[in-house]
N, C-alpha and C. Protein backbone atom coordinates (compact mmCIF):
# COMPACT_ATOMS: atom_id res chain seq x y z
N UNK A 1 95.71 102.42 101.14
CA UNK A 1 96.34 102.53 99.88
C UNK A 1 96.80 101.00 99.57
N UNK A 2 96.70 100.58 98.39
CA UNK A 2 96.97 99.18 97.65
C UNK A 2 97.80 99.63 96.54
N UNK A 3 98.92 98.50 96.80
CA UNK A 3 99.95 98.63 95.59
C UNK A 3 99.94 97.22 95.20
N UNK A 4 100.07 97.14 93.60
CA UNK A 4 100.22 95.82 93.17
C UNK A 4 101.23 96.02 92.07
N UNK A 5 102.09 95.26 91.87
CA UNK A 5 103.04 95.16 90.78
C UNK A 5 102.51 94.16 89.66
N UNK A 6 102.29 94.60 88.39
CA UNK A 6 101.93 93.74 87.39
C UNK A 6 103.01 93.50 86.36
N UNK A 7 103.62 92.45 86.20
CA UNK A 7 104.59 92.16 85.27
C UNK A 7 104.15 92.84 83.82
N UNK A 8 105.11 93.81 83.19
CA UNK A 8 104.60 94.28 81.89
C UNK A 8 103.83 95.48 82.12
N UNK A 9 103.33 95.79 83.08
CA UNK A 9 102.56 97.01 83.24
C UNK A 9 103.14 97.93 84.51
N UNK A 10 104.08 97.29 85.34
CA UNK A 10 104.48 98.24 86.40
C UNK A 10 103.59 98.22 87.73
N UNK A 11 103.83 99.03 88.48
CA UNK A 11 103.23 99.22 89.83
C UNK A 11 102.02 100.19 89.71
N UNK A 12 100.82 99.49 90.21
CA UNK A 12 99.49 100.25 90.33
C UNK A 12 99.36 100.64 91.77
N UNK A 13 99.04 101.93 91.89
CA UNK A 13 98.66 102.36 93.42
C UNK A 13 97.34 102.61 93.47
N UNK A 14 96.38 102.11 94.29
CA UNK A 14 94.97 102.65 94.26
C UNK A 14 94.87 103.25 95.82
N UNK A 15 94.01 104.16 95.61
CA UNK A 15 93.66 105.00 96.88
C UNK A 15 92.09 104.88 97.05
N UNK A 16 91.32 104.63 96.16
CA UNK A 16 89.75 105.12 95.99
C UNK A 16 89.16 103.54 95.35
N UNK A 17 88.16 102.96 95.95
CA UNK A 17 87.26 102.07 95.17
C UNK A 17 85.79 102.73 94.86
N UNK A 18 85.48 103.06 93.68
CA UNK A 18 84.27 103.47 93.44
C UNK A 18 83.50 102.35 92.81
N UNK A 19 82.27 102.36 93.61
CA UNK A 19 81.39 101.22 93.38
C UNK A 19 79.96 101.61 92.90
N UNK A 20 79.59 101.13 91.74
CA UNK A 20 78.32 101.34 91.11
C UNK A 20 77.31 100.53 92.17
N UNK A 21 76.20 100.85 92.27
CA UNK A 21 75.25 100.11 93.51
C UNK A 21 74.21 99.08 92.59
N UNK A 22 73.34 99.61 91.91
CA UNK A 22 72.20 98.67 91.42
C UNK A 22 72.79 97.88 90.35
N UNK A 23 72.68 96.82 90.62
CA UNK A 23 73.08 95.41 89.69
C UNK A 23 74.60 95.22 89.93
N UNK A 24 75.23 95.89 90.59
CA UNK A 24 76.65 95.40 91.11
C UNK A 24 76.66 95.12 92.65
N UNK A 25 76.28 96.00 93.48
CA UNK A 25 76.40 95.46 94.85
C UNK A 25 74.89 95.23 95.42
N UNK A 26 73.68 95.62 94.63
CA UNK A 26 72.53 95.17 95.08
C UNK A 26 71.78 94.51 94.03
N UNK A 27 70.65 94.05 94.40
CA UNK A 27 69.82 93.44 93.32
C UNK A 27 68.40 94.23 93.84
N UNK A 28 67.70 94.87 92.99
CA UNK A 28 66.42 95.58 93.24
C UNK A 28 66.79 96.44 94.63
N UNK A 29 67.99 97.04 94.80
CA UNK A 29 68.05 97.92 95.73
C UNK A 29 68.49 97.36 97.05
N UNK A 30 68.59 95.94 96.98
CA UNK A 30 68.78 95.22 98.44
C UNK A 30 70.24 94.62 98.13
N UNK A 31 71.16 95.14 99.31
CA UNK A 31 72.75 94.53 99.28
C UNK A 31 72.56 92.95 99.33
N UNK A 32 73.67 92.59 98.29
CA UNK A 32 73.82 91.10 98.16
C UNK A 32 74.55 90.44 99.15
N UNK A 33 74.28 89.29 99.67
CA UNK A 33 74.91 88.52 100.65
C UNK A 33 76.47 88.56 100.31
N UNK A 34 77.45 88.78 101.35
CA UNK A 34 78.72 88.62 101.23
C UNK A 34 79.34 89.91 101.02
N UNK A 35 78.78 90.90 100.55
CA UNK A 35 79.19 92.30 100.22
C UNK A 35 79.92 93.21 101.47
N UNK A 36 79.08 93.03 102.45
CA UNK A 36 79.35 94.08 103.55
C UNK A 36 80.60 93.45 104.02
N UNK A 37 81.05 92.20 104.37
CA UNK A 37 82.21 91.40 104.88
C UNK A 37 83.36 91.92 104.24
N UNK A 38 83.27 92.06 102.87
CA UNK A 38 84.49 92.29 102.04
C UNK A 38 84.74 93.75 101.83
N UNK A 39 83.72 94.45 101.96
CA UNK A 39 83.97 95.82 101.98
C UNK A 39 84.63 96.10 103.19
N UNK A 40 83.99 95.79 104.37
CA UNK A 40 84.72 96.05 105.52
C UNK A 40 85.95 95.74 105.45
N UNK A 41 86.55 94.76 104.97
CA UNK A 41 88.21 94.25 104.75
C UNK A 41 88.87 95.41 104.23
N UNK A 42 88.24 95.96 102.88
CA UNK A 42 88.92 96.68 101.79
C UNK A 42 88.83 98.25 102.54
N UNK A 43 87.98 98.44 103.35
CA UNK A 43 87.87 99.85 103.85
C UNK A 43 89.30 100.33 104.81
N UNK A 44 90.12 99.29 105.23
CA UNK A 44 91.30 99.71 105.65
C UNK A 44 92.47 100.15 104.77
N UNK A 45 92.04 99.48 103.43
CA UNK A 45 93.09 100.15 102.36
C UNK A 45 92.79 101.26 101.38
N UNK A 46 91.51 101.24 101.15
CA UNK A 46 90.83 102.26 100.33
C UNK A 46 89.82 102.92 100.88
N UNK A 47 89.72 104.14 100.24
CA UNK A 47 88.52 104.79 100.34
C UNK A 47 87.28 104.52 99.61
N UNK A 48 86.25 104.05 100.11
CA UNK A 48 85.46 103.34 99.20
C UNK A 48 84.18 104.22 99.18
N UNK A 49 83.68 104.48 98.05
CA UNK A 49 82.58 105.40 97.62
C UNK A 49 81.49 104.48 96.85
N UNK A 50 80.21 104.91 97.12
CA UNK A 50 79.06 104.32 96.51
C UNK A 50 78.60 105.37 95.53
N UNK A 51 78.51 105.07 94.21
CA UNK A 51 78.10 106.03 93.25
C UNK A 51 76.78 105.27 92.78
N UNK A 52 75.60 106.42 92.81
CA UNK A 52 74.31 105.67 92.35
C UNK A 52 73.49 106.91 92.17
N UNK A 53 72.60 106.61 90.95
CA UNK A 53 71.39 107.32 90.63
C UNK A 53 70.36 107.06 91.54
N UNK A 54 70.34 106.07 92.41
CA UNK A 54 69.46 105.56 93.39
C UNK A 54 68.24 105.28 92.94
N UNK A 55 68.13 104.51 91.91
CA UNK A 55 66.75 103.97 91.33
C UNK A 55 65.84 103.69 92.20
N UNK A 56 66.19 102.74 93.25
CA UNK A 56 65.25 102.21 94.18
C UNK A 56 65.26 102.85 95.38
N UNK A 57 65.95 104.08 95.67
CA UNK A 57 65.75 104.94 96.76
C UNK A 57 66.14 104.30 98.04
N UNK A 58 67.51 103.57 97.81
CA UNK A 58 67.85 102.77 99.03
C UNK A 58 69.50 103.17 99.26
N UNK A 59 69.81 104.02 98.42
CA UNK A 59 71.23 104.30 98.49
C UNK A 59 71.81 104.89 99.78
N UNK A 60 70.95 105.66 100.46
CA UNK A 60 71.59 106.30 101.69
C UNK A 60 71.78 105.03 102.76
N UNK A 61 70.68 104.13 102.78
CA UNK A 61 70.71 102.82 103.70
C UNK A 61 71.83 101.83 103.45
N UNK A 62 71.83 101.77 102.19
CA UNK A 62 73.09 100.74 101.74
C UNK A 62 74.47 101.38 102.19
N UNK A 63 74.76 102.60 101.84
CA UNK A 63 75.91 103.38 102.23
C UNK A 63 76.10 103.28 103.77
N UNK A 64 74.96 103.71 104.44
CA UNK A 64 75.20 103.40 106.02
C UNK A 64 75.50 102.16 106.41
N UNK A 65 74.77 100.87 106.01
CA UNK A 65 74.92 99.79 106.38
C UNK A 65 76.45 99.34 106.09
N UNK A 66 77.19 99.76 105.18
CA UNK A 66 78.31 99.42 104.60
C UNK A 66 79.58 100.54 105.11
N UNK A 67 78.97 101.59 105.75
CA UNK A 67 79.87 102.44 106.53
C UNK A 67 80.90 103.32 105.34
N UNK A 68 80.20 103.54 104.30
CA UNK A 68 80.90 104.05 103.35
C UNK A 68 80.24 105.50 102.80
N UNK A 69 80.96 106.34 102.06
CA UNK A 69 80.35 107.57 101.42
C UNK A 69 79.74 107.35 100.25
N UNK A 70 78.31 108.05 100.30
CA UNK A 70 77.47 108.01 99.19
C UNK A 70 77.66 109.14 98.50
N UNK A 71 77.82 109.04 96.98
CA UNK A 71 77.87 110.16 96.25
C UNK A 71 76.53 109.85 95.19
N UNK A 72 75.50 110.75 95.12
CA UNK A 72 74.48 110.36 94.10
C UNK A 72 74.82 110.99 92.97
N UNK A 73 74.37 110.48 91.91
CA UNK A 73 74.69 111.12 90.38
C UNK A 73 73.44 111.25 89.82
N UNK A 74 73.24 112.17 88.67
CA UNK A 74 72.27 112.47 88.17
C UNK A 74 71.58 111.11 87.38
N UNK A 75 70.26 110.87 87.42
CA UNK A 75 69.55 109.83 86.67
C UNK A 75 69.97 110.23 85.11
N UNK A 76 69.96 111.27 84.76
CA UNK A 76 70.25 111.51 83.23
C UNK A 76 71.58 111.55 82.83
N UNK A 77 72.48 112.12 83.64
CA UNK A 77 73.84 112.42 83.30
C UNK A 77 74.75 111.64 84.36
N UNK A 78 74.33 110.50 84.83
CA UNK A 78 75.10 109.73 85.99
C UNK A 78 76.52 109.42 85.36
N UNK A 79 76.55 109.07 84.01
CA UNK A 79 77.80 108.38 83.59
C UNK A 79 78.70 109.51 83.43
N UNK A 80 78.42 110.78 83.04
CA UNK A 80 79.32 111.97 83.16
C UNK A 80 79.75 112.36 84.35
N UNK A 81 78.60 112.38 85.36
CA UNK A 81 79.24 112.69 86.71
C UNK A 81 80.17 111.58 87.17
N UNK A 82 79.97 110.31 87.03
CA UNK A 82 80.80 109.36 87.63
C UNK A 82 82.43 109.30 86.96
N UNK A 83 82.22 109.73 85.64
CA UNK A 83 83.57 110.07 84.89
C UNK A 83 84.19 111.12 85.55
N UNK A 84 83.53 112.30 85.90
CA UNK A 84 84.37 113.40 86.29
C UNK A 84 84.70 113.30 87.66
N UNK A 85 84.00 112.66 88.65
CA UNK A 85 84.63 112.07 89.95
C UNK A 85 85.75 111.18 89.77
N UNK A 86 85.88 110.41 88.98
CA UNK A 86 86.98 109.51 88.71
C UNK A 86 88.12 110.15 88.24
N UNK A 87 87.93 111.05 87.28
CA UNK A 87 89.15 111.74 86.50
C UNK A 87 89.60 112.94 87.52
N UNK A 88 88.92 113.32 88.40
CA UNK A 88 89.50 114.14 89.35
C UNK A 88 90.37 113.74 90.28
N UNK A 89 90.31 112.43 90.59
CA UNK A 89 91.11 111.62 91.42
C UNK A 89 92.36 110.63 90.77
N UNK A 90 92.44 110.88 89.26
CA UNK A 90 93.08 110.23 88.54
C UNK A 90 94.56 110.11 88.89
N UNK A 91 95.31 111.18 89.67
CA UNK A 91 96.57 110.91 90.26
C UNK A 91 96.74 109.91 91.20
N UNK A 92 95.38 109.71 91.95
CA UNK A 92 95.58 109.09 93.36
C UNK A 92 95.13 107.69 93.01
N UNK A 93 94.95 107.17 91.98
CA UNK A 93 94.38 105.65 91.47
C UNK A 93 92.92 105.23 91.96
N UNK A 94 92.25 105.14 90.96
CA UNK A 94 90.73 104.71 91.45
C UNK A 94 90.58 103.36 90.69
N UNK A 95 90.03 102.38 91.45
CA UNK A 95 89.27 101.08 90.95
C UNK A 95 88.01 101.36 91.01
N UNK A 96 87.32 100.96 89.77
CA UNK A 96 85.97 101.22 89.44
C UNK A 96 85.29 99.78 89.04
N UNK A 97 84.28 99.66 89.90
CA UNK A 97 83.39 98.57 89.70
C UNK A 97 81.93 98.84 89.28
N UNK A 98 81.40 98.31 88.38
CA UNK A 98 80.26 98.49 87.93
C UNK A 98 79.58 97.31 86.76
N UNK A 99 78.45 97.71 86.35
CA UNK A 99 77.84 96.62 85.25
C UNK A 99 76.98 97.48 84.31
N UNK A 100 76.79 98.83 84.49
CA UNK A 100 75.63 99.43 83.78
C UNK A 100 76.39 100.26 82.62
N UNK A 101 75.61 100.88 81.78
CA UNK A 101 76.03 101.70 80.67
C UNK A 101 76.34 103.04 81.34
N UNK A 102 76.06 103.47 82.48
CA UNK A 102 76.42 104.71 83.00
C UNK A 102 77.72 104.55 83.71
N UNK A 103 78.34 103.46 83.66
CA UNK A 103 79.58 102.93 84.41
C UNK A 103 80.71 103.22 83.36
N UNK A 104 80.46 103.17 81.92
CA UNK A 104 81.46 103.17 80.75
C UNK A 104 82.39 103.93 81.00
N UNK A 105 82.10 105.58 81.12
CA UNK A 105 83.11 106.61 81.05
C UNK A 105 83.79 106.67 82.21
N UNK A 106 83.32 106.16 83.40
CA UNK A 106 84.15 105.98 84.78
C UNK A 106 85.17 105.17 84.69
N UNK A 107 84.84 103.92 84.18
CA UNK A 107 85.72 102.87 83.66
C UNK A 107 86.92 103.35 82.94
N UNK A 108 86.53 104.07 81.86
CA UNK A 108 87.75 104.81 80.99
C UNK A 108 88.64 105.56 81.77
N UNK A 109 88.16 106.20 82.79
CA UNK A 109 89.15 107.04 83.54
C UNK A 109 89.66 106.25 84.69
N UNK A 110 89.28 105.23 85.29
CA UNK A 110 89.88 104.56 86.45
C UNK A 110 91.15 103.84 86.06
N UNK A 111 92.05 103.89 86.87
CA UNK A 111 93.26 102.89 86.92
C UNK A 111 93.06 101.62 86.39
N UNK A 112 91.90 100.96 87.33
CA UNK A 112 91.54 99.63 86.96
C UNK A 112 89.95 99.60 87.02
N UNK A 113 89.60 98.93 86.01
CA UNK A 113 88.05 98.67 85.96
C UNK A 113 87.72 97.36 85.98
N UNK A 114 86.49 97.07 86.58
CA UNK A 114 85.93 95.65 86.79
C UNK A 114 84.63 95.73 86.53
N UNK A 115 84.15 94.96 85.36
CA UNK A 115 82.77 94.70 84.94
C UNK A 115 82.11 93.71 85.76
N UNK A 116 80.85 93.67 86.22
CA UNK A 116 80.30 92.67 87.02
C UNK A 116 79.10 92.04 86.14
N UNK A 117 78.99 91.02 85.97
CA UNK A 117 77.94 90.30 85.37
C UNK A 117 77.07 89.52 86.59
N UNK A 118 76.42 90.53 87.19
CA UNK A 118 75.57 89.90 88.19
C UNK A 118 74.07 89.44 87.84
N UNK A 119 73.35 89.40 88.92
CA UNK A 119 71.74 89.08 88.57
C UNK A 119 71.33 89.91 87.69
N UNK A 120 71.51 91.07 87.38
CA UNK A 120 70.88 91.85 86.42
C UNK A 120 71.54 91.96 85.10
N UNK A 121 72.67 91.12 85.07
CA UNK A 121 73.32 91.10 83.93
C UNK A 121 74.31 92.45 83.65
N UNK A 122 74.90 92.54 82.57
CA UNK A 122 75.92 93.55 82.30
C UNK A 122 75.68 94.30 81.01
N UNK A 123 75.73 95.61 80.86
CA UNK A 123 75.63 96.29 79.54
C UNK A 123 76.79 95.77 78.71
N UNK A 124 76.49 95.54 77.58
CA UNK A 124 77.64 95.11 76.47
C UNK A 124 78.90 96.14 76.32
N UNK A 125 78.50 97.42 76.35
CA UNK A 125 79.31 98.48 76.22
C UNK A 125 80.32 98.41 77.54
N UNK A 126 79.77 98.16 78.77
CA UNK A 126 80.61 98.27 79.99
C UNK A 126 81.64 97.20 79.92
N UNK A 127 81.24 95.93 79.31
CA UNK A 127 82.50 94.95 79.07
C UNK A 127 83.43 95.22 78.21
N UNK A 128 83.32 96.13 77.47
CA UNK A 128 84.07 96.69 76.56
C UNK A 128 85.25 97.65 77.06
N UNK A 129 84.54 98.25 78.12
CA UNK A 129 85.44 99.31 78.83
C UNK A 129 86.22 98.78 80.13
N UNK A 130 86.18 97.43 80.34
CA UNK A 130 86.42 96.96 81.56
C UNK A 130 87.94 96.39 81.25
N UNK A 131 88.79 96.23 82.42
CA UNK A 131 89.95 95.65 82.24
C UNK A 131 89.91 94.18 82.68
N UNK A 132 88.90 93.94 83.70
CA UNK A 132 88.53 92.47 84.19
C UNK A 132 87.01 92.28 84.21
N UNK A 133 86.58 91.25 83.78
CA UNK A 133 85.04 90.96 83.86
C UNK A 133 85.06 89.77 84.93
N UNK A 134 84.10 89.87 85.87
CA UNK A 134 83.90 89.02 86.63
C UNK A 134 82.49 88.37 86.67
N UNK A 135 81.94 87.28 87.29
CA UNK A 135 80.74 86.75 87.21
C UNK A 135 79.75 87.39 88.46
N UNK A 136 80.55 87.83 89.22
CA UNK A 136 79.44 88.54 90.31
C UNK A 136 80.45 89.55 91.32
N UNK A 137 79.94 90.18 92.09
CA UNK A 137 80.56 91.33 92.81
C UNK A 137 81.40 90.52 93.85
N UNK A 138 81.28 89.51 94.31
CA UNK A 138 82.11 88.91 95.38
C UNK A 138 83.36 88.45 94.58
N UNK A 139 83.36 88.03 93.46
CA UNK A 139 84.49 87.66 92.79
C UNK A 139 85.48 89.11 92.33
N UNK A 140 84.68 90.17 92.14
CA UNK A 140 85.42 91.36 92.02
C UNK A 140 85.87 92.01 93.30
N UNK A 141 85.26 91.94 94.31
CA UNK A 141 85.96 92.32 95.57
C UNK A 141 87.09 91.48 96.09
N UNK A 142 87.04 90.06 95.72
CA UNK A 142 87.95 89.02 96.20
C UNK A 142 89.16 89.23 95.24
N UNK A 143 89.24 89.83 94.05
CA UNK A 143 90.62 90.33 93.27
C UNK A 143 91.32 91.24 94.18
N UNK A 144 90.60 92.23 94.74
CA UNK A 144 91.24 93.26 95.34
C UNK A 144 91.81 92.74 96.95
N UNK A 145 91.17 91.81 97.27
CA UNK A 145 91.40 91.21 98.63
C UNK A 145 92.65 90.08 98.41
N UNK A 146 92.83 89.75 97.12
CA UNK A 146 93.95 88.63 97.09
C UNK A 146 94.45 89.25 95.56
N UNK A 147 95.39 90.27 95.80
CA UNK A 147 95.99 90.97 94.58
C UNK A 147 96.65 90.10 93.77
N UNK A 148 97.28 88.88 94.07
CA UNK A 148 97.94 88.26 93.27
C UNK A 148 96.89 87.52 92.07
N UNK A 149 95.74 87.57 92.34
CA UNK A 149 94.71 87.31 91.18
C UNK A 149 94.83 88.39 90.20
N UNK A 150 94.89 89.48 90.49
CA UNK A 150 95.21 90.56 89.53
C UNK A 150 96.35 90.45 88.69
N UNK A 151 97.59 90.17 89.50
CA UNK A 151 98.77 89.92 88.74
C UNK A 151 98.59 88.61 87.84
N UNK A 152 98.04 87.62 88.11
CA UNK A 152 97.45 86.42 87.09
C UNK A 152 96.70 86.95 85.86
N UNK A 153 95.70 87.78 86.39
CA UNK A 153 94.93 88.05 85.25
C UNK A 153 95.55 89.31 84.29
N UNK A 154 96.13 90.15 84.72
CA UNK A 154 96.80 91.28 84.08
C UNK A 154 98.18 91.31 83.44
N UNK A 155 98.81 90.42 83.93
CA UNK A 155 100.21 90.45 83.53
C UNK A 155 100.37 90.40 82.08
N UNK A 156 101.47 90.99 81.54
CA UNK A 156 101.66 90.91 80.18
C UNK A 156 102.44 89.55 79.58
């Protein structure tokens, strides 16, 4: 569990971290450098879940390498799948990180949503649904590892 008090917004309590895979944690299905180490640190505070339509077929390997749960979503209705999973945990506080169009609905349901503009770019609609936008996944994960950065960015 992670707790962060944001002036003007109150206390946010997170139990789950939902991560999009392609374009967020990986490039062309390959894990980006530095991600594994940060996820390892976050696993002591959050249940980390990899959500992917598995475009490159590497989802199981990436989840295993990170030691996290894999949840495959439909290639056609993945956005709805991600939103449904997020909404089902709403009382428990989900942080959602992604970059694609199929992450928009998940971000709407999450207590905190972070859009990543990584090497694949980021869907414009995803930016509109995010609470915070970062240049890369490492910056996004570092926000959670250093919660005062969340306070500085989100305070009223």
